[in-house]
Amino acid sequence: MFVSAARRLPRLSDARRTALIDVALLVGSLAVINSLAHFTELASYRSTVPLGVIAMVLVAIARGYTPQSMGISQASLRRGLRWAGISIGAVTLVVGAGLALPFTREFFLNDSYANLRRALVAALVIIPLQTVVPEELAFRGMLHSALDRLGGTKLVFGAGSLLFGLWHVSSSLGLTASNAGLTELLGSGSLAKWIGVGLAVVATAGAGAVLTWLRHHTDSVIAPIGLHWALNATGALAAAAAWTWL
């Protein structure tokens, strides 16, 4: 019975077997990097994630990944930059509108960016170098390519978006407590914390799908880098502005 069942299982081609190994290596590496960056003494070092992703890129290149396959080729640069600009403009308009409305302004009150100088450093240095570029190289660069080789576009959108959402579990553990609007809405207990985590996972998975579409549409990580930066950086700057209006 076991022999006949084994015979019915489809055999993976060499290319798909290699892609499966690549996906496993990438997901495992991301899990280790995420854990080191949030739950060990390395959490105090802002270079943990960038250095980890650099190591992943070097391994990917050794395994045959090219700049084109990772979305960083010069051929797609112009299109990526154009869509990055469109994305940044659209997010800026939406965030500006939310900041201007009194009943949505309190949701920008993040304690981490109560100081304008801190918000500027975060928006222009920390967010792009520590978060946006490493995450986009990992998820919309290497993982996007590996998932596409393994199962095509559906797997890229489904698994890639879900994994991007799960990547944010550890970083959203204190989300509710640090955001005045969410604390007022959900409370401050353990249940509120995990509701905040769930909302963050759903939101970032949805954002991951949009970022994946940009990568797929432009064949470049520059476009999702632009949108990702805009979502994070304008939020930080809007938080500083919201605190000044209190």
C-alpha atoms as a PDB file:
ATOM      1  CA  MET A   1       0.000   0.000   0.000  1.00  0.00           C
ATOM      2  CA  PHE A   2       2.785   2.401   0.929  1.00  0.00           C
ATOM      3  CA  VAL A   3       4.685   1.553  -2.249  1.00  0.00           C
ATOM      4  CA  SER A   4       1.671   2.216  -4.469  1.00  0.00           C
ATOM      5  CA  ALA A   5       0.951   5.485  -2.639  1.00  0.00           C
ATOM      6  CA  ALA A   6       4.543   6.578  -3.127  1.00  0.00           C
ATOM      7  CA  ARG A   7       4.296   5.797  -6.828  1.00  0.00           C
ATOM      8  CA  ARG A   8       1.246   8.070  -7.133  1.00  0.00           C
ATOM      9  CA  LEU A   9       3.115  11.071  -5.671  1.00  0.00           C
ATOM     10  CA  PRO A  10       4.367  13.411  -8.392  1.00  0.00           C
ATOM     11  CA  ARG A  11       8.122  13.645  -8.652  1.00  0.00           C
ATOM     12  CA  LEU A  12       9.691  17.049  -8.411  1.00  0.00           C
ATOM     13  CA  SER A  13      11.883  18.156 -11.268  1.00  0.00           C
ATOM     14  CA  ASP A  14      15.455  19.112 -10.440  1.00  0.00           C
ATOM     15  CA  ALA A  15      14.571  22.797 -10.863  1.00  0.00           C
ATOM     16  CA  ARG A  16      11.591  22.619  -8.482  1.00  0.00           C
ATOM     17  CA  ARG A  17      13.553  20.555  -5.981  1.00  0.00           C
ATOM     18  CA  THR A  18      16.255  23.225  -5.990  1.00  0.00           C
ATOM     19  CA  ALA A  19      13.605  25.942  -5.600  1.00  0.00           C
ATOM     20  CA  LEU A  20      12.050  24.051  -2.671  1.00  0.00           C
ATOM     21  CA  ILE A  21      15.436  23.870  -0.960  1.00  0.00           C
ATOM     22  CA  ASP A  22      15.951  27.585  -1.622  1.00  0.00           C
ATOM     23  CA  VAL A  23      12.552  28.474  -0.124  1.00  0.00           C
ATOM     24  CA  ALA A  24      13.279  26.364   2.961  1.00  0.00           C
ATOM     25  CA  LEU A  25      16.694  27.987   3.384  1.00  0.00           C
ATOM     26  CA  LEU A  26      15.275  31.493   2.964  1.00  0.00           C
ATOM     27  CA  VAL A  27      12.354  30.994   5.349  1.00  0.00           C
ATOM     28  CA  GLY A  28      14.585  29.328   7.914  1.00  0.00           C
ATOM     29  CA  SER A  29      17.155  32.119   7.638  1.00  0.00           C
ATOM     30  CA  LEU A  30      14.469  34.777   8.048  1.00  0.00           C
ATOM     31  CA  ALA A  31      13.086  33.023  11.129  1.00  0.00           C
ATOM     32  CA  VAL A  32      16.564  32.930  12.703  1.00  0.00           C
ATOM     33  CA  ILE A  33      17.276  36.583  11.834  1.00  0.00           C
ATOM     34  CA  ASN A  34      13.899  37.676  13.199  1.00  0.00           C
ATOM     35  CA  SER A  35      14.439  35.798  16.462  1.00  0.00           C
ATOM     36  CA  LEU A  36      17.960  37.173  16.905  1.00  0.00           C
ATOM     37  CA  ALA A  37      16.773  40.712  16.196  1.00  0.00           C
ATOM     38  CA  HIS A  38      13.939  40.637  18.740  1.00  0.00           C
ATOM     39  CA  PHE A  39      14.554  38.029  21.432  1.00  0.00           C
ATOM     40  CA  THR A  40      18.307  37.988  22.079  1.00  0.00           C
ATOM     41  CA  GLU A  41      20.999  40.447  23.115  1.00  0.00           C
ATOM     42  CA  LEU A  42      21.372  41.322  19.417  1.00  0.00           C
ATOM     43  CA  ALA A  43      18.020  43.130  19.665  1.00  0.00           C
ATOM     44  CA  SER A  44      19.914  46.245  20.758  1.00  0.00           C
ATOM     45  CA  TYR A  45      21.943  46.272  17.520  1.00  0.00           C
ATOM     46  CA  ARG A  46      20.245  47.883  14.529  1.00  0.00           C
ATOM     47  CA  SER A  47      22.555  46.036  12.147  1.00  0.00           C
ATOM     48  CA  THR A  48      21.253  42.529  12.919  1.00  0.00           C
ATOM     49  CA  VAL A  49      18.630  42.386  10.164  1.00  0.00           C
ATOM     50  CA  PRO A  50      20.689  44.185   7.472  1.00  0.00           C
ATOM     51  CA  LEU A  51      23.759  42.004   8.082  1.00  0.00           C
ATOM     52  CA  GLY A  52      21.615  38.873   8.114  1.00  0.00           C
ATOM     53  CA  VAL A  53      20.020  39.776   4.790  1.00  0.00           C
ATOM     54  CA  ILE A  54      23.415  40.614   3.265  1.00  0.00           C
ATOM     55  CA  ALA A  55      24.545  37.103   4.216  1.00  0.00           C
ATOM     56  CA  MET A  56      21.387  35.715   2.580  1.00  0.00           C
ATOM     57  CA  VAL A  57      22.101  37.650  -0.623  1.00  0.00           C
ATOM     58  CA  LEU A  58      25.638  36.259  -0.776  1.00  0.00           C
ATOM     59  CA  VAL A  59      24.325  32.712  -0.342  1.00  0.00           C
ATOM     60  CA  ALA A  60      21.651  33.318  -2.996  1.00  0.00           C
ATOM     61  CA  ILE A  61      24.272  34.547  -5.466  1.00  0.00           C
ATOM     62  CA  ALA A  62      26.362  31.459  -4.715  1.00  0.00           C
ATOM     63  CA  ARG A  63      23.296  29.342  -5.503  1.00  0.00           C
ATOM     64  CA  GLY A  64      22.899  30.975  -8.915  1.00  0.00           C
ATOM     65  CA  TYR A  65      20.539  33.884  -8.277  1.00  0.00           C
ATOM     66  CA  THR A  66      21.260  36.849 -10.544  1.00  0.00           C
ATOM     67  CA  PRO A  67      20.506  40.563 -10.044  1.00  0.00           C
ATOM     68  CA  GLN A  68      17.722  40.233 -12.607  1.00  0.00           C
ATOM     69  CA  SER A  69      16.095  37.306 -10.788  1.00  0.00           C
ATOM     70  CA  MET A  70      16.217  39.300  -7.520  1.00  0.00           C
ATOM     71  CA  GLY A  71      14.705  42.410  -9.117  1.00  0.00           C
ATOM     72  CA  ILE A  72      17.782  44.612  -8.852  1.00  0.00           C
ATOM     73  CA  SER A  73      18.880  44.764 -12.489  1.00  0.00           C
ATOM     74  CA  GLN A  74      19.470  48.024 -14.336  1.00  0.00           C
ATOM     75  CA  ALA A  75      17.013  46.996 -17.053  1.00  0.00           C
ATOM     76  CA  SER A  76      14.009  47.447 -14.760  1.00  0.00           C
ATOM     77  CA  LEU A  77      15.384  50.409 -12.781  1.00  0.00           C
ATOM     78  CA  ARG A  78      13.544  53.186 -14.635  1.00  0.00           C
ATOM     79  CA  ARG A  79      10.156  51.506 -14.381  1.00  0.00           C
ATOM     80  CA  GLY A  80      10.744  50.702 -10.728  1.00  0.00           C
ATOM     81  CA  LEU A  81      11.637  54.319  -9.954  1.00  0.00           C
ATOM     82  CA  ARG A  82       8.542  55.607 -11.734  1.00  0.00           C
ATOM     83  CA  TRP A  83       6.209  53.373  -9.742  1.00  0.00           C
ATOM     84  CA  ALA A  84       8.099  54.128  -6.538  1.00  0.00           C
ATOM     85  CA  GLY A  85       7.417  57.836  -7.078  1.00  0.00           C
ATOM     86  CA  ILE A  86       3.729  57.203  -7.742  1.00  0.00           C
ATOM     87  CA  SER A  87       3.472  55.070  -4.595  1.00  0.00           C
ATOM     88  CA  ILE A  88       5.199  57.644  -2.383  1.00  0.00           C
ATOM     89  CA  GLY A  89       2.913  60.406  -3.668  1.00  0.00           C
ATOM     90  CA  ALA A  90      -0.251  58.356  -3.096  1.00  0.00           C
ATOM     91  CA  VAL A  91       0.711  57.343   0.451  1.00  0.00           C
ATOM     92  CA  THR A  92       1.682  60.908   1.346  1.00  0.00           C
ATOM     93  CA  LEU A  93      -1.761  62.157   0.260  1.00  0.00           C
ATOM     94  CA  VAL A  94      -3.597  59.472   2.247  1.00  0.00           C
ATOM     95  CA  VAL A  95      -1.506  59.955   5.400  1.00  0.00           C
ATOM     96  CA  GLY A  96      -1.845  63.720   5.123  1.00  0.00           C
ATOM     97  CA  ALA A  97      -5.622  63.400   4.918  1.00  0.00           C
ATOM     98  CA  GLY A  98      -5.693  61.098   7.936  1.00  0.00           C
ATOM     99  CA  LEU A  99      -3.521  63.485   9.905  1.00  0.00           C
ATOM    100  CA  ALA A 100      -5.725  66.446   9.038  1.00  0.00           C
ATOM    101  CA  LEU A 101      -8.887  64.781  10.377  1.00  0.00           C
ATOM    102  CA  PRO A 102      -9.208  65.075  14.188  1.00  0.00           C
ATOM    103  CA  PHE A 103     -10.966  61.707  14.633  1.00  0.00           C
ATOM    104  CA  THR A 104      -8.182  59.769  12.858  1.00  0.00           C
ATOM    105  CA  ARG A 105      -5.251  61.871  14.060  1.00  0.00           C
ATOM    106  CA  GLU A 106      -4.975  60.041  17.398  1.00  0.00           C
ATOM    107  CA  PHE A 107      -4.094  56.802  15.603  1.00  0.00           C
ATOM    108  CA  PHE A 108      -0.812  58.443  14.560  1.00  0.00           C
ATOM    109  CA  LEU A 109       0.171  59.098  18.197  1.00  0.00           C
ATOM    110  CA  ASN A 110       3.037  56.627  18.432  1.00  0.00           C
ATOM    111  CA  ASP A 111       5.266  57.146  21.489  1.00  0.00           C
ATOM    112  CA  SER A 112       8.353  56.137  19.501  1.00  0.00           C
ATOM    113  CA  TYR A 113       8.113  59.242  17.323  1.00  0.00           C
ATOM    114  CA  ALA A 114       6.940  61.918  19.762  1.00  0.00           C
ATOM    115  CA  ASN A 115      10.131  63.853  18.996  1.00  0.00           C
ATOM    116  CA  LEU A 116      10.515  65.429  15.532  1.00  0.00           C
ATOM    117  CA  ARG A 117      14.282  64.894  15.413  1.00  0.00           C
ATOM    118  CA  ARG A 118      13.838  61.220  16.276  1.00  0.00           C
ATOM    119  CA  ALA A 119      11.153  60.889  13.595  1.00  0.00           C
ATOM    120  CA  LEU A 120      13.410  62.456  10.950  1.00  0.00           C
ATOM    121  CA  VAL A 121      16.339  60.168  11.807  1.00  0.00           C
ATOM    122  CA  ALA A 122      14.001  57.195  11.707  1.00  0.00           C
ATOM    123  CA  ALA A 123      12.399  58.195   8.392  1.00  0.00           C
ATOM    124  CA  LEU A 124      15.609  59.059   6.557  1.00  0.00           C
ATOM    125  CA  VAL A 125      18.148  56.633   8.046  1.00  0.00           C
ATOM    126  CA  ILE A 126      16.871  53.882  10.337  1.00  0.00           C
ATOM    127  CA  ILE A 127      13.720  52.873   8.462  1.00  0.00           C
ATOM    128  CA  PRO A 128      15.310  52.585   4.989  1.00  0.00           C
ATOM    129  CA  LEU A 129      18.547  50.915   6.114  1.00  0.00           C
ATOM    130  CA  GLN A 130      17.293  48.718   8.949  1.00  0.00           C
ATOM    131  CA  THR A 131      13.839  47.807   7.687  1.00  0.00           C
ATOM    132  CA  VAL A 132      12.790  48.682   4.159  1.00  0.00           C
ATOM    133  CA  VAL A 133      15.758  47.739   1.969  1.00  0.00           C
ATOM    134  CA  PRO A 134      16.670  44.510   3.840  1.00  0.00           C
ATOM    135  CA  GLU A 135      13.054  43.315   3.975  1.00  0.00           C
ATOM    136  CA  GLU A 136      12.408  44.052   0.315  1.00  0.00           C
ATOM    137  CA  LEU A 137      15.605  42.312  -0.781  1.00  0.00           C
ATOM    138  CA  ALA A 138      14.600  39.304   1.317  1.00  0.00           C
ATOM    139  CA  PHE A 139      10.870  39.087   0.526  1.00  0.00           C
ATOM    140  CA  ARG A 140      10.384  40.748  -2.867  1.00  0.00           C
ATOM    141  CA  GLY A 141      13.871  39.886  -4.046  1.00  0.00           C
ATOM    142  CA  MET A 142      15.105  36.420  -3.102  1.00  0.00           C
ATOM    143  CA  LEU A 143      11.937  34.837  -1.678  1.00  0.00           C
ATOM    144  CA  HIS A 144       9.804  36.173  -4.539  1.00  0.00           C
ATOM    145  CA  SER A 145      12.150  34.570  -7.056  1.00  0.00           C
ATOM    146  CA  ALA A 146      12.351  31.243  -5.203  1.00  0.00           C
ATOM    147  CA  LEU A 147       8.567  30.981  -4.733  1.00  0.00           C
ATOM    148  CA  ASP A 148       8.011  31.831  -8.394  1.00  0.00           C
ATOM    149  CA  ARG A 149      10.380  29.036  -9.439  1.00  0.00           C
ATOM    150  CA  LEU A 150       8.635  26.638  -7.076  1.00  0.00           C
ATOM    151  CA  GLY A 151       4.957  27.297  -7.752  1.00  0.00           C
ATOM    152  CA  GLY A 152       4.413  30.357  -9.914  1.00  0.00           C
ATOM    153  CA  THR A 153       2.490  33.584  -9.353  1.00  0.00           C
ATOM    154  CA  LYS A 154      -0.212  32.186  -7.031  1.00  0.00           C
ATOM    155  CA  LEU A 155       2.359  30.834  -4.607  1.00  0.00           C
ATOM    156  CA  VAL A 156       4.293  34.097  -4.739  1.00  0.00           C
ATOM    157  CA  PHE A 157       1.228  36.125  -3.765  1.00  0.00           C
ATOM    158  CA  GLY A 158      -0.214  33.654  -1.253  1.00  0.00           C
ATOM    159  CA  ALA A 159       2.829  32.351   0.593  1.00  0.00           C
ATOM    160  CA  GLY A 160       4.900  35.501   0.147  1.00  0.00           C
ATOM    161  CA  SER A 161       2.204  37.759   1.622  1.00  0.00           C
ATOM    162  CA  LEU A 162       1.476  35.399   4.523  1.00  0.00           C
ATOM    163  CA  LEU A 163       5.149  35.036   5.403  1.00  0.00           C
ATOM    164  CA  PHE A 164       5.564  38.812   5.301  1.00  0.00           C
ATOM    165  CA  GLY A 165       2.674  39.161   7.731  1.00  0.00           C
ATOM    166  CA  LEU A 166       4.128  36.540  10.101  1.00  0.00           C
ATOM    167  CA  TRP A 167       7.514  38.306   9.956  1.00  0.00           C
ATOM    168  CA  HIS A 168       5.850  41.195  11.836  1.00  0.00           C
ATOM    169  CA  VAL A 169       4.544  39.187  14.799  1.00  0.00           C
ATOM    170  CA  SER A 170       7.576  39.869  16.982  1.00  0.00           C
ATOM    171  CA  SER A 171       7.825  43.547  16.069  1.00  0.00           C
ATOM    172  CA  SER A 172       4.131  44.178  16.848  1.00  0.00           C
ATOM    173  CA  LEU A 173       4.072  42.689  20.355  1.00  0.00           C
ATOM    174  CA  GLY A 174       4.205  46.181  21.860  1.00  0.00           C
ATOM    175  CA  LEU A 175       2.111  47.878  19.187  1.00  0.00           C
ATOM    176  CA  THR A 176      -1.067  48.369  21.210  1.00  0.00           C
ATOM    177  CA  ALA A 177       0.759  49.660  24.280  1.00  0.00           C
ATOM    178  CA  SER A 178       2.773  52.229  22.312  1.00  0.00           C
ATOM    179  CA  ASN A 179      -0.105  53.616  20.235  1.00  0.00           C
ATOM    180  CA  ALA A 180      -2.538  55.922  22.044  1.00  0.00           C
ATOM    181  CA  GLY A 181      -5.341  55.347  19.551  1.00  0.00           C
ATOM    182  CA  LEU A 182      -5.093  51.552  19.682  1.00  0.00           C
ATOM    183  CA  THR A 183      -4.838  51.576  23.484  1.00  0.00           C
ATOM    184  CA  GLU A 184      -8.029  53.623  23.719  1.00  0.00           C
ATOM    185  CA  LEU A 185      -9.785  51.355  21.226  1.00  0.00           C
ATOM    186  CA  LEU A 186      -8.590  47.925  22.419  1.00  0.00           C
ATOM    187  CA  GLY A 187      -7.426  48.483  25.986  1.00  0.00           C
ATOM    188  CA  SER A 188      -4.061  47.550  27.456  1.00  0.00           C
ATOM    189  CA  GLY A 189      -4.374  43.933  28.631  1.00  0.00           C
ATOM    190  CA  SER A 190      -2.967  40.711  27.233  1.00  0.00           C
ATOM    191  CA  LEU A 191      -5.972  40.167  24.961  1.00  0.00           C
ATOM    192  CA  ALA A 192      -5.576  43.664  23.543  1.00  0.00           C
ATOM    193  CA  LYS A 193      -1.915  42.972  22.838  1.00  0.00           C
ATOM    194  CA  TRP A 194      -2.680  39.850  20.809  1.00  0.00           C
ATOM    195  CA  ILE A 195      -5.546  41.530  18.971  1.00  0.00           C
ATOM    196  CA  GLY A 196      -3.039  44.220  18.019  1.00  0.00           C
ATOM    197  CA  VAL A 197      -0.614  41.550  16.823  1.00  0.00           C
ATOM    198  CA  GLY A 198      -3.349  39.903  14.763  1.00  0.00           C
ATOM    199  CA  LEU A 199      -4.340  43.202  13.197  1.00  0.00           C
ATOM    200  CA  ALA A 200      -0.687  43.918  12.407  1.00  0.00           C
ATOM    201  CA  VAL A 201      -0.248  40.528  10.734  1.00  0.00           C
ATOM    202  CA  VAL A 202      -3.381  40.981   8.623  1.00  0.00           C
ATOM    203  CA  ALA A 203      -2.397  44.531   7.680  1.00  0.00           C
ATOM    204  CA  THR A 204       1.195  43.644   6.781  1.00  0.00           C
ATOM    205  CA  ALA A 205       0.101  40.556   4.857  1.00  0.00           C
ATOM    206  CA  GLY A 206      -2.245  42.792   2.854  1.00  0.00           C
ATOM    207  CA  ALA A 207       0.557  45.288   2.344  1.00  0.00           C
ATOM    208  CA  GLY A 208       2.775  42.380   1.310  1.00  0.00           C
ATOM    209  CA  ALA A 209       0.313  41.480  -1.446  1.00  0.00           C
ATOM    210  CA  VAL A 210       0.428  45.045  -2.795  1.00  0.00           C
ATOM    211  CA  LEU A 211       4.228  45.113  -2.555  1.00  0.00           C
ATOM    212  CA  THR A 212       4.356  41.772  -4.373  1.00  0.00           C
ATOM    213  CA  TRP A 213       2.111  43.144  -7.123  1.00  0.00           C
ATOM    214  CA  LEU A 214       4.480  46.075  -7.593  1.00  0.00           C
ATOM    215  CA  ARG A 215       7.450  43.707  -7.791  1.00  0.00           C
ATOM    216  CA  HIS A 216       5.588  41.483 -10.257  1.00  0.00           C
ATOM    217  CA  HIS A 217       4.355  44.412 -12.346  1.00  0.00           C
ATOM    218  CA  THR A 218       7.683  46.248 -12.601  1.00  0.00           C
ATOM    219  CA  ASP A 219      10.108  43.304 -12.294  1.00  0.00           C
ATOM    220  CA  SER A 220      11.999  45.506  -9.828  1.00  0.00           C
ATOM    221  CA  VAL A 221      12.340  45.751  -6.050  1.00  0.00           C
ATOM    222  CA  ILE A 222      12.701  49.541  -6.360  1.00  0.00           C
ATOM    223  CA  ALA A 223       8.939  50.038  -6.645  1.00  0.00           C
ATOM    224  CA  PRO A 224       8.066  48.060  -3.477  1.00  0.00           C
ATOM    225  CA  ILE A 225      10.987  49.730  -1.696  1.00  0.00           C
ATOM    226  CA  GLY A 226       9.396  53.103  -2.493  1.00  0.00           C
ATOM    227  CA  LEU A 227       5.952  52.084  -1.240  1.00  0.00           C
ATOM    228  CA  HIS A 228       7.341  50.309   1.825  1.00  0.00           C
ATOM    229  CA  TRP A 229       9.414  53.352   2.745  1.00  0.00           C
ATOM    230  CA  ALA A 230       6.448  55.644   2.279  1.00  0.00           C
ATOM    231  CA  LEU A 231       4.186  53.529   4.509  1.00  0.00           C
ATOM    232  CA  ASN A 232       6.738  53.486   7.333  1.00  0.00           C
ATOM    233  CA  ALA A 233       8.442  56.866   7.017  1.00  0.00           C
ATOM    234  CA  THR A 234       5.354  59.012   6.495  1.00  0.00           C
ATOM    235  CA  GLY A 235       3.815  57.274   9.510  1.00  0.00           C
ATOM    236  CA  ALA A 236       6.795  58.273  11.646  1.00  0.00           C
ATOM    237  CA  LEU A 237       6.707  61.870  10.425  1.00  0.00           C
ATOM    238  CA  ALA A 238       2.923  62.040  10.825  1.00  0.00           C
ATOM    239  CA  ALA A 239       3.290  60.788  14.408  1.00  0.00           C
ATOM    240  CA  ALA A 240       5.678  63.644  15.216  1.00  0.00           C
ATOM    241  CA  ALA A 241       3.275  66.114  13.617  1.00  0.00           C
ATOM    242  CA  ALA A 242       0.303  64.666  15.522  1.00  0.00           C
ATOM    243  CA  TRP A 243       2.113  65.070  18.858  1.00  0.00           C
ATOM    244  CA  THR A 244       2.850  68.727  18.104  1.00  0.00           C
ATOM    245  CA  TRP A 245      -0.869  69.363  17.541  1.00  0.00           C
ATOM    246  CA  LEU A 246      -1.920  68.122  20.980  1.00  0.00           C
END
